[in-house]
Amino acid sequence: MAHFAELVNGIVARVIVVSNADTASNGVEDGAIGAAFCHNLLGGEWVQTSYNGNMRFNYAGIGYTYDTVRDAFIAPKPWASWVLDEATCRWNAPVAMPSEGGPWAWDEATVSWVAV
């Protein structure tokens, strides 16, 4: 099974599952074939995503942005102070979460982790 994300103005609106038979040519999976299948069936713009994250960095979720330059799905930014890790296309806190104690929650007002 293959997964495809529908994009509306670069934002993921929904993710669907498509049969491998509708994404392949001569038994070889091709994301363009699957995207065309989705478009012909439902209209719109579609991009393949991978449930295990082995393509486009992250599995697409509703509200994620598709960055065409990075060819990556990027989750919404969780906090204003967090920064995007270019190597993983994931958001990181500006301060590492403590490895001991916790559980921890991010406190944007103090830009720090606090025990909860």
N, C-alpha and C. Protein backbone atom coordinates (compact mmCIF):
# COMPACT_ATOMS: atom_id res chain seq x y z
N MET A 1 0.84 -1.18 0.00
CA MET A 1 0.00 0.00 0.00
C MET A 1 0.88 1.24 0.00
N ALA A 2 0.44 2.26 -0.68
CA ALA A 2 1.16 3.52 -0.76
C ALA A 2 0.28 4.62 -0.17
N HIS A 3 0.91 5.65 0.35
CA HIS A 3 0.19 6.76 0.97
C HIS A 3 0.46 8.03 0.17
N PHE A 4 -0.59 8.82 -0.02
CA PHE A 4 -0.49 10.06 -0.77
C PHE A 4 -1.16 11.18 0.01
N ALA A 5 -0.51 12.35 -0.01
CA ALA A 5 -1.01 13.53 0.68
C ALA A 5 -1.57 14.51 -0.35
N GLU A 6 -2.77 15.01 -0.07
CA GLU A 6 -3.34 16.05 -0.93
C GLU A 6 -2.86 17.40 -0.41
N LEU A 7 -2.36 18.22 -1.32
CA LEU A 7 -1.87 19.55 -0.96
C LEU A 7 -2.84 20.61 -1.42
N VAL A 8 -3.12 21.54 -0.53
CA VAL A 8 -3.91 22.73 -0.87
C VAL A 8 -3.06 23.92 -0.46
N ASN A 9 -2.56 24.65 -1.46
CA ASN A 9 -1.65 25.78 -1.21
C ASN A 9 -0.44 25.35 -0.38
N GLY A 10 0.08 24.16 -0.65
CA GLY A 10 1.29 23.68 0.01
C GLY A 10 1.07 23.07 1.38
N ILE A 11 -0.18 22.99 1.83
CA ILE A 11 -0.52 22.43 3.14
C ILE A 11 -1.26 21.12 2.94
N VAL A 12 -0.92 20.10 3.74
CA VAL A 12 -1.57 18.80 3.64
C VAL A 12 -3.01 18.90 4.14
N ALA A 13 -3.95 18.55 3.26
CA ALA A 13 -5.37 18.58 3.60
C ALA A 13 -5.88 17.20 4.04
N ARG A 14 -5.30 16.15 3.45
CA ARG A 14 -5.68 14.78 3.82
C ARG A 14 -4.63 13.83 3.29
N VAL A 15 -4.62 12.63 3.87
CA VAL A 15 -3.70 11.57 3.44
C VAL A 15 -4.55 10.34 3.19
N ILE A 16 -4.30 9.69 2.07
CA ILE A 16 -5.06 8.49 1.72
C ILE A 16 -4.12 7.33 1.41
N VAL A 17 -4.69 6.14 1.44
CA VAL A 17 -3.95 4.92 1.10
C VAL A 17 -4.40 4.48 -0.29
N VAL A 18 -3.43 4.10 -1.12
CA VAL A 18 -3.70 3.70 -2.49
C VAL A 18 -3.09 2.31 -2.72
N SER A 19 -3.80 1.48 -3.41
CA SER A 19 -3.32 0.14 -3.73
C SER A 19 -2.04 0.20 -4.55
N ASN A 20 -1.14 -0.71 -4.29
CA ASN A 20 0.10 -0.78 -5.06
C ASN A 20 -0.17 -0.94 -6.55
N ALA A 21 -1.26 -1.61 -6.89
CA ALA A 21 -1.60 -1.81 -8.30
C ALA A 21 -1.87 -0.49 -9.01
N ASP A 22 -2.25 0.54 -8.25
CA ASP A 22 -2.56 1.85 -8.83
C ASP A 22 -1.39 2.81 -8.78
N THR A 23 -0.23 2.31 -8.34
CA THR A 23 0.95 3.18 -8.23
C THR A 23 2.15 2.63 -8.99
N ALA A 24 1.95 1.58 -9.77
CA ALA A 24 3.09 0.90 -10.38
C ALA A 24 2.92 0.74 -11.89
N SER A 25 4.06 0.62 -12.54
CA SER A 25 4.13 0.28 -13.95
C SER A 25 5.06 -0.91 -14.08
N ASN A 26 4.55 -1.99 -14.64
CA ASN A 26 5.33 -3.22 -14.77
C ASN A 26 5.88 -3.69 -13.43
N GLY A 27 5.08 -3.52 -12.37
CA GLY A 27 5.46 -3.98 -11.04
C GLY A 27 6.41 -3.08 -10.29
N VAL A 28 6.77 -1.94 -10.86
CA VAL A 28 7.69 -1.01 -10.21
C VAL A 28 6.90 0.21 -9.73
N GLU A 29 6.95 0.45 -8.41
CA GLU A 29 6.21 1.58 -7.85
C GLU A 29 6.78 2.90 -8.38
N ASP A 30 5.87 3.81 -8.71
CA ASP A 30 6.25 5.12 -9.23
C ASP A 30 5.32 6.15 -8.62
N GLY A 31 5.87 7.06 -7.81
CA GLY A 31 5.07 8.06 -7.13
C GLY A 31 4.27 8.94 -8.08
N ALA A 32 4.82 9.20 -9.26
CA ALA A 32 4.11 10.03 -10.24
C ALA A 32 2.85 9.32 -10.74
N ILE A 33 2.92 8.01 -10.91
CA ILE A 33 1.75 7.24 -11.34
C ILE A 33 0.68 7.29 -10.25
N GLY A 34 1.10 7.10 -9.01
CA GLY A 34 0.15 7.16 -7.89
C GLY A 34 -0.46 8.53 -7.73
N ALA A 35 0.34 9.58 -7.87
CA ALA A 35 -0.18 10.95 -7.77
C ALA A 35 -1.18 11.23 -8.88
N ALA A 36 -0.90 10.75 -10.09
CA ALA A 36 -1.83 10.93 -11.21
C ALA A 36 -3.12 10.16 -10.95
N PHE A 37 -3.01 8.95 -10.39
CA PHE A 37 -4.19 8.16 -10.05
C PHE A 37 -5.07 8.94 -9.07
N CYS A 38 -4.45 9.49 -8.03
CA CYS A 38 -5.20 10.27 -7.03
C CYS A 38 -5.86 11.49 -7.66
N HIS A 39 -5.10 12.18 -8.50
CA HIS A 39 -5.64 13.37 -9.17
C HIS A 39 -6.82 13.02 -10.07
N ASN A 40 -6.69 11.94 -10.84
CA ASN A 40 -7.78 11.54 -11.73
C ASN A 40 -9.02 11.11 -10.96
N LEU A 41 -8.82 10.52 -9.79
CA LEU A 41 -9.93 10.03 -8.98
C LEU A 41 -10.59 11.15 -8.16
N LEU A 42 -9.75 12.03 -7.58
CA LEU A 42 -10.26 12.99 -6.60
C LEU A 42 -9.97 14.46 -6.93
N GLY A 43 -9.19 14.69 -8.00
CA GLY A 43 -8.78 16.05 -8.31
C GLY A 43 -7.67 16.49 -7.36
N GLY A 44 -7.19 17.68 -7.52
CA GLY A 44 -6.20 18.23 -6.61
C GLY A 44 -4.78 17.82 -6.91
N GLU A 45 -3.88 18.27 -6.03
CA GLU A 45 -2.45 17.99 -6.15
C GLU A 45 -2.07 16.96 -5.09
N TRP A 46 -1.33 15.94 -5.49
CA TRP A 46 -0.99 14.84 -4.60
C TRP A 46 0.50 14.56 -4.63
N VAL A 47 1.06 14.23 -3.45
CA VAL A 47 2.47 13.88 -3.33
C VAL A 47 2.55 12.64 -2.45
N GLN A 48 3.39 11.70 -2.86
CA GLN A 48 3.54 10.47 -2.08
C GLN A 48 4.26 10.75 -0.77
N THR A 49 3.83 10.06 0.27
CA THR A 49 4.47 10.13 1.56
C THR A 49 4.74 8.70 2.03
N SER A 50 5.59 8.54 3.00
CA SER A 50 5.95 7.21 3.46
C SER A 50 5.63 7.07 4.94
N TYR A 51 4.86 6.04 5.26
CA TYR A 51 4.45 5.81 6.65
C TYR A 51 5.66 5.62 7.55
N ASN A 52 6.73 5.01 7.03
CA ASN A 52 7.92 4.80 7.86
C ASN A 52 8.95 5.93 7.68
N GLY A 53 8.58 7.01 6.99
CA GLY A 53 9.44 8.18 6.87
C GLY A 53 10.66 7.99 5.99
N ASN A 54 10.66 7.01 5.10
CA ASN A 54 11.86 6.79 4.28
C ASN A 54 11.88 7.65 3.01
N MET A 55 10.92 8.54 2.86
CA MET A 55 10.96 9.52 1.78
C MET A 55 10.35 10.82 2.30
N ARG A 56 10.86 11.91 1.82
CA ARG A 56 10.38 13.25 2.19
C ARG A 56 10.45 13.51 3.69
N PHE A 57 11.44 12.90 4.34
CA PHE A 57 11.81 13.12 5.74
C PHE A 57 10.77 12.66 6.76
N ASN A 58 9.51 13.05 6.60
CA ASN A 58 8.48 12.77 7.60
C ASN A 58 7.21 12.30 6.92
N TYR A 59 6.45 11.47 7.61
CA TYR A 59 5.14 11.08 7.12
C TYR A 59 4.24 12.31 7.16
N ALA A 60 3.52 12.56 6.10
CA ALA A 60 2.65 13.73 6.02
C ALA A 60 1.48 13.60 6.99
N GLY A 61 1.15 14.70 7.61
CA GLY A 61 -0.02 14.77 8.48
C GLY A 61 -0.84 15.98 8.10
N ILE A 62 -2.11 15.96 8.42
CA ILE A 62 -2.97 17.10 8.13
C ILE A 62 -2.37 18.34 8.80
N GLY A 63 -2.25 19.41 8.03
CA GLY A 63 -1.68 20.65 8.54
C GLY A 63 -0.18 20.79 8.31
N TYR A 64 0.47 19.71 7.89
CA TYR A 64 1.90 19.79 7.59
C TYR A 64 2.09 20.62 6.32
N THR A 65 3.28 21.19 6.19
CA THR A 65 3.65 21.93 4.99
C THR A 65 4.49 21.01 4.12
N TYR A 66 4.27 21.09 2.82
CA TYR A 66 5.17 20.40 1.89
C TYR A 66 6.12 21.43 1.33
N ASP A 67 7.39 21.29 1.63
CA ASP A 67 8.44 22.20 1.18
C ASP A 67 9.03 21.63 -0.11
N THR A 68 8.75 22.28 -1.23
CA THR A 68 9.21 21.76 -2.52
C THR A 68 10.72 21.86 -2.68
N VAL A 69 11.34 22.85 -2.06
CA VAL A 69 12.80 23.00 -2.17
C VAL A 69 13.49 21.84 -1.45
N ARG A 70 13.05 21.54 -0.24
CA ARG A 70 13.65 20.45 0.54
C ARG A 70 13.06 19.09 0.16
N ASP A 71 11.96 19.09 -0.60
CA ASP A 71 11.20 17.87 -0.90
C ASP A 71 10.87 17.15 0.40
N ALA A 72 10.24 17.91 1.32
CA ALA A 72 10.01 17.41 2.67
C ALA A 72 8.64 17.83 3.20
N PHE A 73 8.06 16.94 3.99
CA PHE A 73 6.87 17.30 4.77
C PHE A 73 7.36 17.79 6.13
N ILE A 74 6.86 18.94 6.56
CA ILE A 74 7.31 19.55 7.81
C ILE A 74 6.09 19.83 8.68
N ALA A 75 6.15 19.35 9.91
CA ALA A 75 5.06 19.56 10.86
C ALA A 75 4.91 21.05 11.17
N PRO A 76 3.73 21.45 11.63
CA PRO A 76 3.59 22.84 12.07
C PRO A 76 4.58 23.15 13.20
N LYS A 77 5.09 24.35 13.22
CA LYS A 77 6.05 24.76 14.24
C LYS A 77 5.33 24.77 15.60
N PRO A 78 5.85 23.99 16.58
CA PRO A 78 5.14 23.88 17.85
C PRO A 78 5.24 25.11 18.74
N TRP A 79 6.37 25.80 18.69
CA TRP A 79 6.60 26.98 19.51
C TRP A 79 7.42 27.98 18.71
N ALA A 80 7.22 29.26 18.97
CA ALA A 80 7.91 30.31 18.23
C ALA A 80 9.43 30.21 18.34
N SER A 81 9.94 29.75 19.48
CA SER A 81 11.40 29.71 19.69
C SER A 81 12.07 28.49 19.07
N TRP A 82 11.31 27.50 18.66
CA TRP A 82 11.92 26.28 18.13
C TRP A 82 12.50 26.51 16.75
N VAL A 83 13.52 25.73 16.40
CA VAL A 83 14.22 25.89 15.12
C VAL A 83 14.16 24.58 14.33
N LEU A 84 14.14 24.75 13.03
CA LEU A 84 14.07 23.59 12.14
C LEU A 84 15.45 22.99 11.96
N ASP A 85 15.56 21.70 12.19
CA ASP A 85 16.79 20.96 11.94
C ASP A 85 16.80 20.62 10.45
N GLU A 86 17.70 21.23 9.71
CA GLU A 86 17.75 21.04 8.26
C GLU A 86 18.05 19.59 7.87
N ALA A 87 18.74 18.86 8.71
CA ALA A 87 19.10 17.47 8.40
C ALA A 87 17.92 16.52 8.52
N THR A 88 16.97 16.84 9.40
CA THR A 88 15.84 15.94 9.64
C THR A 88 14.48 16.55 9.27
N CYS A 89 14.46 17.86 9.05
CA CYS A 89 13.22 18.61 8.80
C CYS A 89 12.24 18.44 9.96
N ARG A 90 12.77 18.42 11.17
CA ARG A 90 11.97 18.37 12.39
C ARG A 90 12.32 19.55 13.27
N TRP A 91 11.36 19.97 14.08
CA TRP A 91 11.56 21.11 14.98
C TRP A 91 12.26 20.68 16.25
N ASN A 92 13.20 21.50 16.69
CA ASN A 92 13.93 21.25 17.93
C ASN A 92 13.83 22.46 18.85
N ALA A 93 13.74 22.18 20.13
CA ALA A 93 13.77 23.25 21.12
C ALA A 93 15.14 23.90 21.10
N PRO A 94 15.23 25.20 21.43
CA PRO A 94 16.54 25.85 21.45
C PRO A 94 17.41 25.39 22.62
N VAL A 95 16.81 24.67 23.57
CA VAL A 95 17.51 24.12 24.72
C VAL A 95 17.18 22.64 24.78
N ALA A 96 18.19 21.80 24.91
CA ALA A 96 17.95 20.35 24.96
C ALA A 96 17.13 19.98 26.19
N MET A 97 16.22 19.02 26.02
CA MET A 97 15.43 18.54 27.14
C MET A 97 16.34 17.79 28.10
N PRO A 98 16.22 18.03 29.40
CA PRO A 98 17.05 17.31 30.37
C PRO A 98 16.87 15.79 30.21
N SER A 99 17.94 15.07 30.43
CA SER A 99 17.89 13.61 30.27
C SER A 99 17.48 12.91 31.56
N GLU A 100 17.48 13.63 32.65
CA GLU A 100 17.10 13.03 33.94
C GLU A 100 15.92 13.78 34.53
N GLY A 101 15.22 13.10 35.43
CA GLY A 101 14.07 13.73 36.08
C GLY A 101 12.88 13.73 35.15
N GLY A 102 12.02 14.73 35.34
CA GLY A 102 10.86 14.85 34.48
C GLY A 102 9.67 14.09 35.03
N PRO A 103 8.61 13.96 34.31
CA PRO A 103 8.49 14.33 32.90
C PRO A 103 8.61 15.85 32.70
N TRP A 104 8.93 16.21 31.45
CA TRP A 104 9.20 17.59 31.11
C TRP A 104 8.18 18.13 30.13
N ALA A 105 7.92 19.43 30.24
CA ALA A 105 7.07 20.14 29.29
C ALA A 105 7.78 21.43 28.90
N TRP A 106 7.59 21.85 27.67
CA TRP A 106 8.22 23.07 27.21
C TRP A 106 7.44 24.28 27.72
N ASP A 107 8.17 25.28 28.24
CA ASP A 107 7.58 26.53 28.70
C ASP A 107 8.11 27.64 27.81
N GLU A 108 7.28 28.10 26.90
CA GLU A 108 7.71 29.11 25.93
C GLU A 108 8.00 30.45 26.61
N ALA A 109 7.30 30.76 27.68
CA ALA A 109 7.50 32.05 28.37
C ALA A 109 8.93 32.18 28.92
N THR A 110 9.49 31.07 29.39
CA THR A 110 10.84 31.09 29.95
C THR A 110 11.86 30.46 28.99
N VAL A 111 11.39 29.99 27.87
CA VAL A 111 12.22 29.30 26.88
C VAL A 111 13.05 28.22 27.58
N SER A 112 12.34 27.35 28.30
CA SER A 112 13.03 26.29 29.03
C SER A 112 12.08 25.12 29.28
N TRP A 113 12.67 24.00 29.67
CA TRP A 113 11.90 22.82 30.05
C TRP A 113 11.56 22.91 31.54
N VAL A 114 10.33 22.55 31.87
CA VAL A 114 9.93 22.56 33.28
C VAL A 114 9.38 21.18 33.63
N ALA A 115 9.65 20.74 34.85
CA ALA A 115 9.13 19.45 35.31
C ALA A 115 7.64 19.58 35.54
N VAL A 116 6.93 18.57 35.15
CA VAL A 116 5.46 18.57 35.36
C VAL A 116 5.06 17.39 36.22
